[in-house]
């Protein structure tokens, strides 16, 4: 059976209290990661390392 892309917009409310609370914590984590990445002289090293780690984990 072929995958069917759902019609947008979804028929569910994505602005629930629980989801909004999660977006606040996710935003904070992203800001922290951005700050850490800016302290690295070459940010591409971080990105390349993440893809190598992911490839290693899937072996």
PDB file of N, CA and C in Angstrom:
ATOM      1  N   UNK A   1       0.844  -1.175   0.000  1.00  0.00           N
ATOM      2  CA  UNK A   1       0.000   0.000   0.000  1.00  0.00           C
ATOM      3  C   UNK A   1       0.894   1.244   0.000  1.00  0.00           C
ATOM      4  N   UNK A   2       0.593   2.180  -0.840  1.00  0.00           N
ATOM      5  CA  UNK A   2       1.377   3.401  -0.956  1.00  0.00           C
ATOM      6  C   UNK A   2       1.029   4.374   0.173  1.00  0.00           C
ATOM      7  N   UNK A   3       2.039   5.118   0.581  1.00  0.00           N
ATOM      8  CA  UNK A   3       1.820   6.130   1.623  1.00  0.00           C
ATOM      9  C   UNK A   3       1.040   7.294   1.041  1.00  0.00           C
ATOM     10  N   UNK A   4       0.055   7.761   1.777  1.00  0.00           N
ATOM     11  CA  UNK A   4      -0.748   8.910   1.346  1.00  0.00           C
ATOM     12  C   UNK A   4      -0.453  10.086   2.258  1.00  0.00           C
ATOM     13  N   UNK A   5      -0.087  11.195   1.660  1.00  0.00           N
ATOM     14  CA  UNK A   5       0.208  12.409   2.417  1.00  0.00           C
ATOM     15  C   UNK A   5      -1.102  12.964   2.967  1.00  0.00           C
ATOM     16  N   UNK A   6      -1.158  13.237   4.275  1.00  0.00           N
ATOM     17  CA  UNK A   6      -2.389  13.773   4.855  1.00  0.00           C
ATOM     18  C   UNK A   6      -2.704  15.172   4.332  1.00  0.00           C
ATOM     19  N   UNK A   7      -3.963  15.462   4.259  1.00  0.00           N
ATOM     20  CA  UNK A   7      -4.418  16.778   3.808  1.00  0.00           C
ATOM     21  C   UNK A   7      -4.158  17.796   4.918  1.00  0.00           C
ATOM     22  N   UNK A   8      -3.659  18.945   4.525  1.00  0.00           N
ATOM     23  CA  UNK A   8      -3.417  20.019   5.490  1.00  0.00           C
ATOM     24  C   UNK A   8      -4.519  21.048   5.402  1.00  0.00           C
ATOM     25  N   UNK A   9      -4.874  21.720   6.440  1.00  0.00           N
ATOM     26  CA  UNK A   9      -4.362  21.595   7.801  1.00  0.00           C
ATOM     27  C   UNK A   9      -4.947  20.362   8.487  1.00  0.00           C
ATOM     28  N   UNK A  10      -4.224  19.886   9.504  1.00  0.00           N
ATOM     29  CA  UNK A  10      -4.683  18.730  10.268  1.00  0.00           C
ATOM     30  C   UNK A  10      -5.964  19.062  11.019  1.00  0.00           C
ATOM     31  N   UNK A  11      -6.721  18.050  11.311  1.00  0.00           N
ATOM     32  CA  UNK A  11      -7.976  18.237  12.046  1.00  0.00           C
ATOM     33  C   UNK A  11      -7.787  18.157  13.561  1.00  0.00           C
ATOM     34  N   UNK A  12      -6.606  18.539  14.038  1.00  0.00           N
ATOM     35  CA  UNK A  12      -6.394  18.514  15.481  1.00  0.00           C
ATOM     36  C   UNK A  12      -5.761  19.822  15.928  1.00  0.00           C
ATOM     37  N   UNK A  13      -5.969  20.137  17.173  1.00  0.00           N
ATOM     38  CA  UNK A  13      -5.470  21.389  17.742  1.00  0.00           C
ATOM     39  C   UNK A  13      -4.033  21.200  18.201  1.00  0.00           C
ATOM     40  N   UNK A  14      -3.097  21.890  17.546  1.00  0.00           N
ATOM     41  CA  UNK A  14      -1.691  21.787  17.912  1.00  0.00           C
ATOM     42  C   UNK A  14      -1.277  22.821  18.944  1.00  0.00           C
ATOM     43  N   UNK A  15      -2.167  23.700  19.310  1.00  0.00           N
ATOM     44  CA  UNK A  15      -1.843  24.733  20.288  1.00  0.00           C
ATOM     45  C   UNK A  15      -2.403  24.390  21.660  1.00  0.00           C
ATOM     46  N   UNK A  16      -2.107  23.182  22.106  1.00  0.00           N
ATOM     47  CA  UNK A  16      -2.540  22.781  23.440  1.00  0.00           C
ATOM     48  C   UNK A  16      -1.547  23.292  24.473  1.00  0.00           C
ATOM     49  N   UNK A  17      -1.946  23.282  25.706  1.00  0.00           N
ATOM     50  CA  UNK A  17      -1.081  23.740  26.789  1.00  0.00           C
ATOM     51  C   UNK A  17       0.188  22.891  26.864  1.00  0.00           C
ATOM     52  N   UNK A  18       0.055  21.576  26.702  1.00  0.00           N
ATOM     53  CA  UNK A  18       1.214  20.676  26.784  1.00  0.00           C
ATOM     54  C   UNK A  18       2.213  20.947  25.658  1.00  0.00           C
ATOM     55  N   UNK A  19       1.711  21.159  24.456  1.00  0.00           N
ATOM     56  CA  UNK A  19       2.594  21.427  23.320  1.00  0.00           C
ATOM     57  C   UNK A  19       3.286  22.767  23.489  1.00  0.00           C
ATOM     58  N   UNK A  20       2.566  23.764  23.939  1.00  0.00           N
ATOM     59  CA  UNK A  20       3.169  25.076  24.147  1.00  0.00           C
ATOM     60  C   UNK A  20       4.275  25.015  25.203  1.00  0.00           C
ATOM     61  N   UNK A  21       4.078  24.240  26.251  1.00  0.00           N
ATOM     62  CA  UNK A  21       5.110  24.091  27.276  1.00  0.00           C
ATOM     63  C   UNK A  21       6.354  23.424  26.694  1.00  0.00           C
ATOM     64  N   UNK A  22       6.153  22.436  25.827  1.00  0.00           N
ATOM     65  CA  UNK A  22       7.286  21.746  25.196  1.00  0.00           C
ATOM     66  C   UNK A  22       8.034  22.682  24.259  1.00  0.00           C
ATOM     67  N   UNK A  23       7.322  23.573  23.558  1.00  0.00           N
ATOM     68  CA  UNK A  23       8.009  24.489  22.641  1.00  0.00           C
ATOM     69  C   UNK A  23       8.894  25.467  23.407  1.00  0.00           C
ATOM     70  N   UNK A  24       8.486  25.843  24.608  1.00  0.00           N
ATOM     71  CA  UNK A  24       9.300  26.745  25.425  1.00  0.00           C
ATOM     72  C   UNK A  24      10.607  26.057  25.804  1.00  0.00           C
ATOM     73  N   UNK A  25      10.536  24.808  26.252  1.00  0.00           N
ATOM     74  CA  UNK A  25      11.761  24.101  26.633  1.00  0.00           C
ATOM     75  C   UNK A  25      12.624  23.787  25.406  1.00  0.00           C
ATOM     76  N   UNK A  26      11.997  23.496  24.273  1.00  0.00           N
ATOM     77  CA  UNK A  26      12.756  23.236  23.049  1.00  0.00           C
ATOM     78  C   UNK A  26      13.482  24.495  22.591  1.00  0.00           C
ATOM     79  N   UNK A  27      12.818  25.636  22.698  1.00  0.00           N
ATOM     80  CA  UNK A  27      13.441  26.905  22.301  1.00  0.00           C
ATOM     81  C   UNK A  27      14.656  27.198  23.175  1.00  0.00           C
ATOM     82  N   UNK A  28      14.537  26.930  24.460  1.00  0.00           N
ATOM     83  CA  UNK A  28      15.665  27.139  25.363  1.00  0.00           C
ATOM     84  C   UNK A  28      16.839  26.229  25.033  1.00  0.00           C
ATOM     85  N   UNK A  29      16.538  24.973  24.711  1.00  0.00           N
ATOM     86  CA  UNK A  29      17.601  24.028  24.361  1.00  0.00           C
ATOM     87  C   UNK A  29      18.292  24.436  23.065  1.00  0.00           C
ATOM     88  N   UNK A  30      17.515  24.903  22.090  1.00  0.00           N
ATOM     89  CA  UNK A  30      18.107  25.359  20.830  1.00  0.00           C
ATOM     90  C   UNK A  30      18.981  26.595  21.037  1.00  0.00           C
ATOM     91  N   UNK A  31      18.542  27.499  21.889  1.00  0.00           N
ATOM     92  CA  UNK A  31      19.334  28.695  22.177  1.00  0.00           C
ATOM     93  C   UNK A  31      20.652  28.316  22.855  1.00  0.00           C
ATOM     94  N   UNK A  32      20.597  27.355  23.757  1.00  0.00           N
ATOM     95  CA  UNK A  32      21.806  26.894  24.431  1.00  0.00           C
ATOM     96  C   UNK A  32      22.767  26.242  23.433  1.00  0.00           C
ATOM     97  N   UNK A  33      22.219  25.450  22.531  1.00  0.00           N
ATOM     98  CA  UNK A  33      23.049  24.790  21.526  1.00  0.00           C
ATOM     99  C   UNK A  33      23.670  25.823  20.579  1.00  0.00           C
ATOM    100  N   UNK A  34      22.888  26.833  20.218  1.00  0.00           N
ATOM    101  CA  UNK A  34      23.402  27.886  19.342  1.00  0.00           C
ATOM    102  C   UNK A  34      24.560  28.618  20.011  1.00  0.00           C
ATOM    103  N   UNK A  35      24.409  28.914  21.292  1.00  0.00           N
ATOM    104  CA  UNK A  35      25.481  29.579  22.025  1.00  0.00           C
ATOM    105  C   UNK A  35      26.738  28.734  22.086  1.00  0.00           C
ATOM    106  N   UNK A  36      26.565  27.434  22.291  1.00  0.00           N
ATOM    107  CA  UNK A  36      27.725  26.537  22.322  1.00  0.00           C
ATOM    108  C   UNK A  36      28.376  26.452  20.949  1.00  0.00           C
ATOM    109  N   UNK A  37      27.569  26.416  19.906  1.00  0.00           N
ATOM    110  CA  UNK A  37      28.106  26.325  18.540  1.00  0.00           C
ATOM    111  C   UNK A  37      28.891  27.576  18.187  1.00  0.00           C
ATOM    112  N   UNK A  38      28.452  28.730  18.671  1.00  0.00           N
ATOM    113  CA  UNK A  38      29.158  29.972  18.368  1.00  0.00           C
ATOM    114  C   UNK A  38      30.533  30.045  19.028  1.00  0.00           C
ATOM    115  N   UNK A  39      30.733  29.242  20.085  1.00  0.00           N
ATOM    116  CA  UNK A  39      32.032  29.246  20.751  1.00  0.00           C
ATOM    117  C   UNK A  39      33.058  28.382  20.017  1.00  0.00           C
ATOM    118  N   UNK A  40      32.607  27.605  19.042  1.00  0.00           N
ATOM    119  CA  UNK A  40      33.500  26.767  18.250  1.00  0.00           C
ATOM    120  C   UNK A  40      34.012  27.596  17.074  1.00  0.00           C
ATOM    121  N   UNK A  41      35.326  27.601  16.842  1.00  0.00           N
ATOM    122  CA  UNK A  41      35.859  28.409  15.737  1.00  0.00           C
ATOM    123  C   UNK A  41      35.289  28.036  14.365  1.00  0.00           C
ATOM    124  N   UNK A  42      35.025  26.762  14.141  1.00  0.00           N
ATOM    125  CA  UNK A  42      34.490  26.309  12.862  1.00  0.00           C
ATOM    126  C   UNK A  42      33.258  25.453  13.148  1.00  0.00           C
ATOM    127  N   UNK A  43      32.048  26.053  13.029  1.00  0.00           N
ATOM    128  CA  UNK A  43      30.816  25.354  13.385  1.00  0.00           C
ATOM    129  C   UNK A  43      30.564  24.130  12.525  1.00  0.00           C
ATOM    130  N   UNK A  44      31.104  24.089  11.315  1.00  0.00           N
ATOM    131  CA  UNK A  44      30.872  22.934  10.440  1.00  0.00           C
ATOM    132  C   UNK A  44      31.486  21.661  11.025  1.00  0.00           C
ATOM    133  N   UNK A  45      32.496  21.817  11.875  1.00  0.00           N
ATOM    134  CA  UNK A  45      33.082  20.650  12.534  1.00  0.00           C
ATOM    135  C   UNK A  45      32.020  19.954  13.385  1.00  0.00           C
ATOM    136  N   UNK A  46      31.225  20.731  14.097  1.00  0.00           N
ATOM    137  CA  UNK A  46      30.151  20.172  14.927  1.00  0.00           C
ATOM    138  C   UNK A  46      29.142  19.425  14.070  1.00  0.00           C
ATOM    139  N   UNK A  47      28.715  20.028  12.975  1.00  0.00           N
ATOM    140  CA  UNK A  47      27.717  19.412  12.102  1.00  0.00           C
ATOM    141  C   UNK A  47      28.262  18.124  11.505  1.00  0.00           C
ATOM    142  N   UNK A  48      29.499  18.143  11.010  1.00  0.00           N
ATOM    143  CA  UNK A  48      30.097  16.949  10.417  1.00  0.00           C
ATOM    144  C   UNK A  48      30.240  15.833  11.439  1.00  0.00           C
ATOM    145  N   UNK A  49      30.591  16.187  12.653  1.00  0.00           N
ATOM    146  CA  UNK A  49      30.738  15.186  13.706  1.00  0.00           C
ATOM    147  C   UNK A  49      29.402  14.523  14.028  1.00  0.00           C
ATOM    148  N   UNK A  50      28.319  15.298  14.033  1.00  0.00           N
ATOM    149  CA  UNK A  50      27.003  14.733  14.329  1.00  0.00           C
ATOM    150  C   UNK A  50      26.585  13.716  13.273  1.00  0.00           C
ATOM    151  N   UNK A  51      26.835  14.016  12.009  1.00  0.00           N
ATOM    152  CA  UNK A  51      26.455  13.071  10.957  1.00  0.00           C
ATOM    153  C   UNK A  51      27.311  11.811  11.023  1.00  0.00           C
ATOM    154  N   UNK A  52      28.586  11.950  11.368  1.00  0.00           N
ATOM    155  CA  UNK A  52      29.440  10.771  11.513  1.00  0.00           C
ATOM    156  C   UNK A  52      28.985   9.917  12.688  1.00  0.00           C
ATOM    157  N   UNK A  53      28.615  10.553  13.781  1.00  0.00           N
ATOM    158  CA  UNK A  53      28.131   9.814  14.950  1.00  0.00           C
ATOM    159  C   UNK A  53      26.846   9.061  14.629  1.00  0.00           C
ATOM    160  N   UNK A  54      25.948   9.702  13.908  1.00  0.00           N
ATOM    161  CA  UNK A  54      24.695   9.058  13.536  1.00  0.00           C
ATOM    162  C   UNK A  54      24.965   7.858  12.633  1.00  0.00           C
ATOM    163  N   UNK A  55      25.869   8.006  11.665  1.00  0.00           N
ATOM    164  CA  UNK A  55      26.204   6.891  10.775  1.00  0.00           C
ATOM    165  C   UNK A  55      26.802   5.733  11.567  1.00  0.00           C
ATOM    166  N   UNK A  56      27.648   6.044  12.537  1.00  0.00           N
ATOM    167  CA  UNK A  56      28.255   4.999  13.362  1.00  0.00           C
ATOM    168  C   UNK A  56      27.206   4.282  14.196  1.00  0.00           C
ATOM    169  N   UNK A  57      26.247   5.014  14.727  1.00  0.00           N
ATOM    170  CA  UNK A  57      25.216   4.425  15.578  1.00  0.00           C
ATOM    171  C   UNK A  57      24.288   3.480  14.807  1.00  0.00           C
ATOM    172  N   UNK A  58      24.185   3.647  13.489  1.00  0.00           N
ATOM    173  CA  UNK A  58      23.286   2.813  12.680  1.00  0.00           C
ATOM    174  C   UNK A  58      23.963   1.557  12.146  1.00  0.00           C
ATOM    175  N   UNK A  59      25.210   1.342  12.522  1.00  0.00           N
ATOM    176  CA  UNK A  59      25.912   0.133  12.047  1.00  0.00           C
ATOM    177  C   UNK A  59      25.400  -1.101  12.733  1.00  0.00           C
TER     178      UNK A  59
END
